[in-house]
Protein backbone atom coordinates (compact mmCIF):
# COMPACT_ATOMS: atom_id res chain seq x y z
CA MET A 1 115.93 114.15 204.42
CA ARG A 2 112.64 112.29 204.89
CA THR A 3 110.56 112.16 201.70
CA MET A 4 107.33 110.56 200.48
CA LYS A 5 107.64 107.30 198.53
CA HIS A 6 105.20 108.53 195.84
CA PRO A 7 105.58 112.33 195.76
CA ALA A 8 103.49 114.73 193.71
CA ILE A 9 104.67 115.81 190.28
CA VAL A 10 104.80 119.60 190.15
CA GLN A 11 105.62 122.44 187.78
CA ILE A 12 107.47 125.30 189.48
CA LEU A 13 107.73 128.78 187.98
CA TRP A 14 110.67 130.60 189.59
CA LEU A 15 113.22 133.40 189.21
CA ASP A 16 116.94 132.80 188.81
CA SER A 17 119.94 135.06 188.36
CA ASN A 18 121.14 135.84 184.85
CA GLN A 19 124.27 134.24 183.38
CA PRO A 20 127.39 136.11 184.53
CA ILE A 21 129.17 138.14 181.87
CA GLY A 22 132.64 136.62 181.75
CA LYS A 23 134.67 139.56 180.58
CA TRP A 24 135.62 143.03 181.75
CA GLN A 25 133.30 145.78 180.54
CA TRP A 26 133.23 149.52 180.86
CA LEU A 27 130.40 150.51 183.20
CA GLU A 28 128.78 152.69 180.54
CA ASP A 29 128.69 149.70 178.14
CA ILE A 30 126.74 147.41 180.47
CA ASN A 31 123.14 147.02 179.28
CA PRO A 32 120.27 146.80 181.79
CA GLN A 33 119.95 143.27 183.15
CA ASN A 34 116.99 141.20 184.35
CA SER A 35 116.44 137.99 186.24
CA VAL A 36 115.51 134.87 184.29
CA THR A 37 112.10 133.23 184.62
CA CYS A 38 112.49 129.44 184.78
CA VAL A 39 110.06 126.51 184.66
CA SER A 40 111.05 123.21 186.26
CA VAL A 41 109.01 119.99 186.45
CA GLY A 42 109.70 117.10 188.79
CA PHE A 43 108.79 114.97 191.77
CA LEU A 44 108.40 117.21 194.86
CA LEU A 45 110.67 115.66 197.49
CA GLN A 46 110.78 118.55 199.97
CA ASP A 47 108.47 121.54 200.43
CA THR A 48 109.48 123.92 203.22
CA PRO A 49 109.36 127.67 203.78
CA GLU A 50 113.06 127.75 202.79
CA VAL A 51 113.30 125.41 199.76
CA LYS A 52 111.45 123.31 197.22
CA VAL A 53 113.38 120.19 196.22
CA ILE A 54 112.42 118.27 193.08
CA ALA A 55 113.87 115.26 191.27
CA LEU A 56 113.72 114.58 187.55
CA SER A 57 113.56 110.79 188.00
CA LEU A 58 112.72 108.26 190.70
CA GLY A 59 113.91 104.66 190.73
CA SER A 60 113.31 101.48 192.67
CA ASN A 61 115.51 98.59 193.73
CA ASN A 62 112.58 96.57 195.04
CA GLY A 63 110.19 97.16 192.12
CA LYS A 64 107.47 98.57 194.39
CA GLU A 65 108.37 101.94 195.91
CA ALA A 66 110.82 104.63 194.84
CA ASP A 67 113.98 104.57 196.90
CA GLN A 68 116.34 106.48 194.58
CA ALA A 69 116.29 109.89 192.93
CA ALA A 70 118.29 111.46 190.10
CA GLY A 71 118.51 115.06 188.90
CA VAL A 72 117.77 116.55 192.32
CA GLN A 73 117.32 120.34 192.17
CA THR A 74 116.91 122.77 195.08
CA ILE A 75 114.97 125.98 194.45
CA PRO A 76 114.84 128.71 197.13
CA SER A 77 111.21 129.24 198.18
CA ALA A 78 111.73 133.00 197.99
CA ALA A 79 112.37 132.63 194.23
CA VAL A 80 109.15 130.66 193.56
CA LEU A 81 106.42 132.53 191.67
CA ASP A 82 103.96 129.64 191.29
CA ILE A 83 103.60 125.90 191.88
CA LYS A 84 101.14 123.81 189.90
CA VAL A 85 100.44 120.22 190.94
CA LEU A 86 100.37 118.07 187.80
CA ARG A 87 99.71 114.82 189.69
CA GLY A 88 99.05 114.49 193.39
CA PRO A 89 100.94 112.15 195.70
CA ARG A 90 99.75 108.56 195.70
């Protein structure tokens, strides 16, 4: 994956599935369920029609440009409700 060396920092509002219920239940006892609205903040490494990929942290071996990432998260673009740029790429 080709990424920018100084990516934008973004806040992504997105929908996720709810936590699975880990036990058997009678159908009539299951309460109505909803999706979960999530907020994630990170460095935008990939922005395509299919996915948004962010990282929580960037690191550098050479002290100049980021060449490592940690906490990489992939969010399906179809689940994204809003993206706010907190700091543009530099």
